[in-house]
Amino acid sequence: MSIEIAQRLRDDVVAKLKQRFVGRDEVIELIALATVAGEHLFLYGPPGTAKSALIRHFAQAVEAPYFEYMLTRFSEPNEIFGPVDIARLREGVVATITEGMLPRAEFVFLDEIFNANSAILNNLLTVLNERTYRRGAELHKLPLLSLFSASNSLPEDDALRALFDRFLLRCHVANLPRESMNQLLRAGWELERPTEQKHAVTSEEMRKLAAMLWNVDLSSVSEPYTDAVFKVRDLGIDFSDRRAVKVQKLLAASALLCGRTNALPSDLWVLRYVWDREEQIGPLRALVNGLLEQADSSQGHPLSKPAERVDAEQVSRELDAVGTEIQGGGLTLSGVARAKERLAGLADQCAWVEDGNAREHLVGRARELLAKLG
């Protein structure tokens, strides 16, 4: 029964969202993974990359109550968790009106989450850890399946780092390259067309699928995963015992999404998304590529294929070409815009360069050229 739910999730939700959202296969797969595992996903990247739209459409497809909010420094807990019930307060009871707010939602998307002030932050930590919300003596047990968040920056403050730590999955989302723009425009036009939303899977079925996690046999992946944990730590990634234990849920969820009740070494692809800092993305990807090259991917997840390597020399040549254009002068306004777009794309590629010294040099070169353009 649960395997049949997983098949419908892949065929009727994941596959159809991939058709509607150009170049966002990775994010869509991670939304499904996070939901089945009952974990949370952080999306790192610039505004306008369809992050909230993806999660909103996924929530609609699984017929789940959805809450979305953009946080600012001035956001108050009432805006997220609901206002105090004044009528009950007159009776001497502190109660919250939660209708349409986060405590009633099964899918939640909080944009610019690191703008959260201390009052919201403390509540969010409890939501993420325990799926509860407390106001005074009032305790709400939340129906939350997964919470998703996004920001175009990574946290430095210790309090915000604690919040970031609660997101087991982290994904870098970049703007699509120029060559994908025509396809993006066509898909975007279709996305805006009013259509009747069909519910392929219910949230109750998602819970049944998630309950199957504990029936997945992890024995085949136990030894390679143990070795991988220490290799990840050797990269300087803060991969605590707690996070290492929780990632096993991702391995099990990957297996279920592939219609299996046993995890395989190919499920180790999930480790690509446990980085802490942007500069770790490339080295971690290289490490996971090495693990996957040794694994049989015939029954693997779509993201278990070793990722395409970024050619540092090619990136360097392209940066030199842009530098020559800038040095020559005479760029029109549209030429400057194109150069900035090209440099932004190259800067994104730099993060995936495996060699640390080359990556640092190329990132610095891209920033230097962007600074010259103003």
Protein backbone atom coordinates (compact mmCIF):
# COMPACT_ATOMS: atom_id res chain seq x y z
CA MET A 1 0.00 0.00 0.00
CA SER A 2 2.72 2.50 1.01
CA ILE A 3 4.83 1.61 -2.03
CA GLU A 4 1.78 2.37 -4.19
CA ILE A 5 1.51 5.79 -2.49
CA ALA A 6 5.20 6.41 -3.22
CA GLN A 7 4.61 5.55 -6.88
CA ARG A 8 1.70 7.99 -7.14
CA LEU A 9 3.77 10.65 -5.41
CA ARG A 10 6.52 10.23 -7.99
CA ASP A 11 4.27 9.91 -11.06
CA ASP A 12 1.46 12.33 -10.25
CA VAL A 13 3.18 14.96 -8.12
CA VAL A 14 6.96 15.00 -8.61
CA ALA A 15 6.95 14.24 -12.35
CA LYS A 16 4.19 16.74 -13.11
CA LEU A 17 5.86 19.50 -11.10
CA LYS A 18 9.06 18.89 -13.07
CA GLN A 19 7.11 19.47 -16.28
CA ARG A 20 5.74 22.77 -14.97
CA PHE A 21 8.90 24.18 -13.36
CA VAL A 22 11.87 24.39 -15.72
CA GLY A 23 15.27 23.47 -14.30
CA ARG A 24 14.02 22.79 -10.78
CA ASP A 25 14.13 18.98 -10.71
CA GLU A 26 16.60 18.95 -7.82
CA VAL A 27 14.47 21.16 -5.57
CA ILE A 28 11.29 19.21 -6.37
CA GLU A 29 12.97 15.91 -5.50
CA LEU A 30 14.22 17.39 -2.21
CA ILE A 31 10.76 18.69 -1.27
CA ALA A 32 9.40 15.16 -1.72
CA LEU A 33 12.31 13.67 0.22
CA ALA A 34 11.94 16.11 3.12
CA THR A 35 8.20 15.48 3.33
CA VAL A 36 8.50 11.68 3.39
CA ALA A 37 11.34 11.88 5.94
CA GLY A 38 9.45 14.41 8.08
CA GLU A 39 12.45 16.75 7.99
CA HIS A 40 12.93 20.40 7.04
CA LEU A 41 14.52 21.93 3.92
CA PHE A 42 16.41 25.24 3.59
CA LEU A 43 16.72 26.84 0.15
CA TYR A 44 19.65 29.21 -0.37
CA GLY A 45 19.56 31.56 -3.32
CA PRO A 46 18.36 34.85 -4.78
CA PRO A 47 14.71 35.97 -4.90
CA GLY A 48 12.66 35.07 -7.95
CA THR A 49 13.83 31.47 -8.32
CA ALA A 50 10.37 29.92 -7.78
CA LYS A 51 11.11 28.63 -4.28
CA SER A 52 7.77 29.52 -2.71
CA ALA A 53 5.80 28.60 -5.85
CA LEU A 54 7.30 25.12 -5.88
CA ILE A 55 6.36 24.43 -2.27
CA ARG A 56 2.90 25.96 -2.68
CA HIS A 57 2.14 23.76 -5.70
CA PHE A 58 3.49 20.68 -3.92
CA ALA A 59 1.25 21.37 -0.92
CA GLN A 60 -1.76 21.80 -3.22
CA ALA A 61 -0.99 18.54 -5.01
CA VAL A 62 -1.03 16.59 -1.74
CA GLU A 63 -4.12 18.38 -0.44
CA ALA A 64 -2.40 19.81 2.61
CA PRO A 65 -3.15 23.06 4.51
CA TYR A 66 -0.42 25.56 3.63
CA PHE A 67 0.98 28.64 5.36
CA GLU A 68 3.44 31.07 3.82
CA TYR A 69 5.00 34.24 5.23
CA MET A 70 7.93 36.55 4.56
CA LEU A 71 9.71 37.56 7.74
CA THR A 72 11.14 41.01 8.40
CA ARG A 73 13.01 42.37 11.42
CA PHE A 74 9.70 43.83 12.58
CA SER A 75 7.57 40.69 12.22
CA GLU A 76 5.72 39.72 15.39
CA PRO A 77 4.75 36.23 16.62
CA ASN A 78 1.05 37.09 16.13
CA GLU A 79 1.62 37.37 12.37
CA ILE A 80 2.76 33.76 12.20
CA PHE A 81 1.15 31.91 15.08
CA GLY A 82 -2.08 33.89 15.29
CA PRO A 83 -3.42 36.75 17.45
CA VAL A 84 -4.60 36.50 21.03
CA ASP A 85 -8.31 35.67 21.33
CA ILE A 86 -9.60 38.88 22.96
CA ALA A 87 -12.96 37.35 23.91
CA ARG A 88 -11.23 34.54 25.81
CA LEU A 89 -8.76 36.99 27.31
CA ARG A 90 -11.65 38.92 28.90
CA GLU A 91 -12.53 35.65 30.60
CA GLY A 92 -9.03 35.44 31.99
CA VAL A 93 -7.86 32.76 29.54
CA VAL A 94 -4.85 33.27 27.23
CA ALA A 95 -5.79 31.62 23.93
CA THR A 96 -4.68 32.00 20.32
CA ILE A 97 -6.76 32.22 17.15
CA THR A 98 -4.82 29.83 14.94
CA GLU A 99 -7.20 29.48 11.98
CA GLY A 100 -5.23 30.00 8.76
CA MET A 101 -1.95 30.39 10.64
CA LEU A 102 1.18 28.26 11.06
CA PRO A 103 -0.19 26.07 13.90
CA ARG A 104 -2.91 24.70 11.56
CA ALA A 105 -0.66 24.11 8.53
CA GLU A 106 0.88 20.85 7.36
CA PHE A 107 3.22 22.60 4.92
CA VAL A 108 4.91 25.86 5.92
CA PHE A 109 7.17 28.17 3.92
CA LEU A 110 8.96 31.00 5.74
CA ASP A 111 10.86 33.33 3.43
CA GLU A 112 13.92 35.24 4.71
CA ILE A 113 13.79 33.18 7.87
CA PHE A 114 16.98 34.69 9.29
CA ASN A 115 15.14 37.97 9.79
CA ALA A 116 13.38 36.28 12.71
CA ASN A 117 13.69 38.24 15.96
CA SER A 118 14.24 36.55 19.32
CA ALA A 119 10.52 36.25 20.13
CA ILE A 120 9.82 34.39 16.88
CA LEU A 121 13.12 32.50 16.97
CA ASN A 122 12.42 30.77 20.27
CA ASN A 123 9.01 29.63 19.05
CA LEU A 124 10.40 28.41 15.72
CA LEU A 125 13.00 26.25 17.43
CA THR A 126 10.22 24.47 19.32
CA VAL A 127 8.16 24.12 16.14
CA LEU A 128 11.08 22.56 14.26
CA ASN A 129 12.26 20.33 17.11
CA GLU A 130 9.07 19.20 18.76
CA ARG A 131 6.26 20.30 16.43
CA THR A 132 4.59 22.17 19.28
CA TYR A 133 3.73 25.82 19.96
CA ARG A 134 3.22 27.21 23.45
CA ARG A 135 1.62 30.49 24.53
CA GLY A 136 1.28 30.78 28.29
CA ALA A 137 -0.32 27.57 29.57
CA GLU A 138 -1.71 26.83 26.10
CA LEU A 139 0.12 24.08 24.18
CA HIS A 140 -0.60 23.36 20.51
CA LYS A 141 0.51 20.08 18.97
CA LEU A 142 1.15 20.87 15.33
CA PRO A 143 0.12 18.76 12.31
CA LEU A 144 3.27 19.95 10.49
CA LEU A 145 4.66 17.59 7.86
CA SER A 146 7.63 19.75 6.85
CA LEU A 147 8.74 23.34 7.18
CA PHE A 148 10.61 24.97 4.31
CA SER A 149 12.55 28.20 4.46
CA ALA A 150 14.65 30.37 2.19
CA SER A 151 17.18 33.18 2.33
CA ASN A 152 19.75 34.77 0.03
CA SER A 153 22.30 34.77 2.86
CA LEU A 154 23.62 32.29 5.40
CA PRO A 155 23.56 32.95 9.16
CA GLU A 156 26.59 34.09 11.16
CA ASP A 157 24.94 34.82 14.51
CA ASP A 158 25.01 31.87 16.95
CA ALA A 159 21.27 32.08 17.66
CA LEU A 160 20.50 31.94 13.95
CA ARG A 161 23.00 29.12 13.47
CA ALA A 162 20.97 27.11 15.99
CA LEU A 163 17.90 27.68 13.80
CA PHE A 164 19.83 26.75 10.64
CA ASP A 165 20.99 23.54 12.32
CA ARG A 166 17.38 22.34 12.49
CA PHE A 167 17.21 22.15 8.69
CA LEU A 168 18.64 18.75 7.86
CA LEU A 169 18.63 19.49 4.12
CA ARG A 170 20.21 22.56 2.50
CA CYS A 171 19.95 23.25 -1.23
CA HIS A 172 21.55 26.01 -3.31
CA VAL A 173 19.06 27.40 -5.86
CA ALA A 174 20.48 29.64 -8.60
CA ASN A 175 18.91 31.62 -11.44
CA LEU A 176 18.49 29.62 -14.63
CA PRO A 177 21.05 30.19 -17.42
CA ARG A 178 20.21 32.36 -20.42
CA GLU A 179 19.76 29.33 -22.70
CA SER A 180 16.85 28.11 -20.53
CA MET A 181 14.97 31.42 -20.65
CA ASN A 182 12.73 30.63 -23.64
CA GLN A 183 11.61 27.35 -22.08
CA LEU A 184 11.14 29.11 -18.73
CA LEU A 185 8.91 31.78 -20.27
CA ARG A 186 6.67 29.19 -21.95
CA ALA A 187 6.38 27.14 -18.77
CA GLY A 188 5.78 30.27 -16.69
CA TRP A 189 2.95 31.34 -18.99
CA GLU A 190 1.29 27.95 -18.59
CA LEU A 191 1.81 28.10 -14.84
CA GLU A 192 -0.18 31.35 -14.66
CA ARG A 193 -3.10 29.81 -16.57
CA PRO A 194 -6.01 29.07 -14.18
CA THR A 195 -6.47 25.30 -13.88
CA GLU A 196 -8.43 23.01 -11.62
CA GLN A 197 -6.09 21.60 -9.00
CA LYS A 198 -6.16 17.81 -8.81
CA HIS A 199 -5.06 16.15 -5.59
CA ALA A 200 -2.92 13.15 -6.45
CA VAL A 201 -2.03 12.21 -2.88
CA THR A 202 -3.58 13.21 0.44
CA SER A 203 -1.63 14.41 3.45
CA GLU A 204 -2.97 11.39 5.35
CA GLU A 205 -1.39 9.12 2.74
CA MET A 206 1.87 11.05 3.13
CA ARG A 207 1.77 10.23 6.84
CA LYS A 208 1.24 6.54 6.06
CA LEU A 209 4.24 6.64 3.73
CA ALA A 210 6.35 8.38 6.38
CA ALA A 211 5.37 5.70 8.91
CA MET A 212 6.98 3.13 6.59
CA LEU A 213 10.42 4.68 7.20
CA TRP A 214 10.95 2.46 10.21
CA ASN A 215 10.37 -0.68 8.11
CA VAL A 216 13.22 0.16 5.73
CA ASP A 217 16.26 -2.11 6.14
CA LEU A 218 19.41 0.01 6.48
CA SER A 219 21.86 -2.89 6.92
CA SER A 220 23.25 -2.72 3.36
CA VAL A 221 24.20 0.93 3.77
CA SER A 222 25.29 0.89 7.42
CA GLU A 223 29.02 0.41 6.84
CA PRO A 224 29.44 2.78 3.86
CA TYR A 225 27.35 5.41 5.65
CA THR A 226 29.48 5.15 8.79
CA ASP A 227 32.62 5.74 6.70
CA ALA A 228 30.92 8.62 4.89
CA VAL A 229 30.04 10.38 8.17
CA PHE A 230 33.72 10.74 9.06
CA LYS A 231 34.66 11.80 5.52
CA VAL A 232 32.04 14.55 5.69
CA ARG A 233 33.45 15.72 9.02
CA ASP A 234 36.97 15.71 7.56
CA LEU A 235 35.77 18.43 5.16
CA GLY A 236 35.17 20.69 8.16
CA ILE A 237 31.39 20.33 8.01
CA ASP A 238 29.64 20.45 11.38
CA PHE A 239 28.00 17.04 11.07
CA SER A 240 27.01 16.24 14.64
CA ASP A 241 26.01 12.83 15.97
CA ARG A 242 22.42 14.08 16.13
CA ARG A 243 22.42 15.10 12.46
CA ALA A 244 24.18 11.88 11.44
CA VAL A 245 21.45 9.83 13.11
CA LYS A 246 18.70 11.89 11.47
CA VAL A 247 20.19 11.54 7.98
CA GLN A 248 19.30 7.84 8.20
CA LYS A 249 15.69 8.99 7.78
CA LEU A 250 16.71 10.57 4.48
CA LEU A 251 18.34 7.31 3.36
CA ALA A 252 15.14 5.43 4.20
CA ALA A 253 12.97 8.05 2.46
CA SER A 254 15.12 7.83 -0.68
CA ALA A 255 14.60 4.06 -0.70
CA LEU A 256 10.81 4.39 -0.29
CA LEU A 257 10.59 6.95 -3.09
CA CYS A 258 12.32 4.39 -5.33
CA GLY A 259 9.81 1.70 -4.36
CA ARG A 260 12.27 -0.17 -2.15
CA THR A 261 12.12 -1.29 1.48
CA ASN A 262 15.89 -1.56 1.72
CA ALA A 263 18.43 1.25 1.52
CA LEU A 264 21.37 0.95 -0.88
CA PRO A 265 24.75 2.72 -1.12
CA SER A 266 23.28 4.74 -4.01
CA ASP A 267 20.99 6.41 -1.44
CA LEU A 268 24.05 8.21 -0.05
CA TRP A 269 23.31 10.98 -2.58
CA VAL A 270 21.39 12.71 0.23
CA LEU A 271 24.74 13.68 1.80
CA ARG A 272 25.22 16.34 -0.90
CA TYR A 273 22.83 18.54 1.06
CA VAL A 274 24.32 18.57 4.58
CA TRP A 275 26.76 21.49 4.02
CA ASP A 276 27.05 24.45 6.40
CA ARG A 277 28.77 27.09 4.28
CA GLU A 278 28.74 27.92 0.60
CA GLU A 279 32.41 27.05 0.13
CA GLN A 280 31.69 23.49 1.28
CA ILE A 281 29.24 22.76 -1.55
CA GLY A 282 31.91 21.87 -4.13
CA PRO A 283 34.09 19.64 -1.90
CA LEU A 284 31.04 17.85 -0.51
CA ARG A 285 29.70 17.23 -3.99
CA ALA A 286 33.09 15.81 -5.01
CA LEU A 287 33.10 13.50 -1.99
CA VAL A 288 29.57 12.22 -2.68
CA ASN A 289 30.38 11.80 -6.38
CA GLY A 290 33.20 9.46 -5.36
CA LEU A 291 30.86 7.43 -3.17
CA LEU A 292 28.23 7.16 -5.89
CA GLU A 293 30.71 6.13 -8.59
CA GLN A 294 31.34 2.98 -6.56
CA ALA A 295 27.61 2.24 -6.08
CA ASP A 296 25.16 0.40 -8.34
CA SER A 297 22.67 3.04 -9.47
CA SER A 298 20.35 0.70 -11.43
CA GLN A 299 17.74 0.96 -8.65
CA GLY A 300 18.86 4.40 -7.54
CA HIS A 301 17.03 7.65 -6.99
CA PRO A 302 17.08 10.17 -9.89
CA LEU A 303 19.54 12.31 -7.92
CA SER A 304 21.85 9.35 -7.21
CA LYS A 305 23.66 9.75 -10.53
CA PRO A 306 27.10 11.31 -9.96
CA ALA A 307 26.76 15.05 -10.60
CA GLU A 308 28.46 16.53 -13.63
CA ARG A 309 31.89 17.88 -12.77
CA VAL A 310 32.60 21.58 -13.27
CA ASP A 311 35.68 22.24 -15.41
CA ALA A 312 37.69 24.88 -13.52
CA GLU A 313 39.79 25.69 -16.59
CA GLN A 314 36.69 26.30 -18.69
CA VAL A 315 35.25 28.62 -16.02
CA SER A 316 38.59 30.45 -15.91
CA ARG A 317 38.58 30.93 -19.70
CA GLU A 318 35.04 32.31 -19.59
CA LEU A 319 35.97 34.71 -16.79
CA ASP A 320 38.97 35.87 -18.85
CA ALA A 321 36.68 36.47 -21.84
CA VAL A 322 34.34 38.63 -19.74
CA GLY A 323 37.35 40.44 -18.29
CA THR A 324 38.60 41.24 -21.80
CA GLU A 325 35.18 42.71 -22.72
CA ILE A 326 35.21 44.91 -19.62
CA GLN A 327 38.82 45.97 -20.17
CA GLY A 328 38.04 47.00 -23.75
CA GLY A 329 35.41 49.46 -22.55
CA GLY A 330 32.50 50.67 -24.60
CA LEU A 331 29.94 48.29 -23.09
CA THR A 332 26.38 49.50 -23.59
CA LEU A 333 23.85 49.33 -20.75
CA SER A 334 22.49 46.08 -22.17
CA GLY A 335 26.06 44.81 -22.55
CA VAL A 336 26.77 45.55 -18.89
CA ALA A 337 23.56 43.74 -17.90
CA ARG A 338 24.54 40.69 -19.97
CA ALA A 339 28.04 40.70 -18.49
CA LYS A 340 26.63 40.83 -14.95
CA GLU A 341 24.27 37.97 -15.72
CA ARG A 342 27.09 35.92 -17.20
CA LEU A 343 29.34 36.60 -14.20
CA ALA A 344 26.56 35.67 -11.77
CA GLY A 345 26.17 32.34 -13.57
CA LEU A 346 29.92 31.72 -13.51
CA ALA A 347 30.06 32.61 -9.81
CA ASP A 348 27.40 29.95 -9.17
CA GLN A 349 29.46 27.41 -11.10
CA CYS A 350 32.55 28.30 -9.05
CA ALA A 351 30.88 26.96 -5.90
CA TRP A 352 30.91 23.49 -7.50
CA VAL A 353 34.62 23.45 -8.39
CA GLU A 354 36.14 20.56 -6.45
CA ASP A 355 39.67 21.90 -5.87
CA GLY A 356 39.61 24.35 -2.95
CA ASN A 357 42.40 26.66 -4.15
CA ALA A 358 40.98 26.86 -7.67
CA ARG A 359 37.50 27.51 -6.31
CA GLU A 360 38.68 30.33 -4.05
CA HIS A 361 40.65 31.94 -6.89
CA LEU A 362 37.74 31.76 -9.35
CA VAL A 363 35.20 33.11 -6.87
CA GLY A 364 37.53 36.03 -6.11
CA ARG A 365 38.03 36.70 -9.82
CA ALA A 366 34.25 36.71 -10.47
CA ARG A 367 33.66 39.14 -7.58
CA GLU A 368 36.46 41.40 -8.81
CA LEU A 369 34.92 41.60 -12.29
CA LEU A 370 31.44 42.24 -10.88
CA ALA A 371 32.87 45.09 -8.80
CA LYS A 372 34.34 46.67 -11.95
CA LEU A 373 30.89 46.68 -13.55
CA GLY A 374 29.49 48.58 -10.55
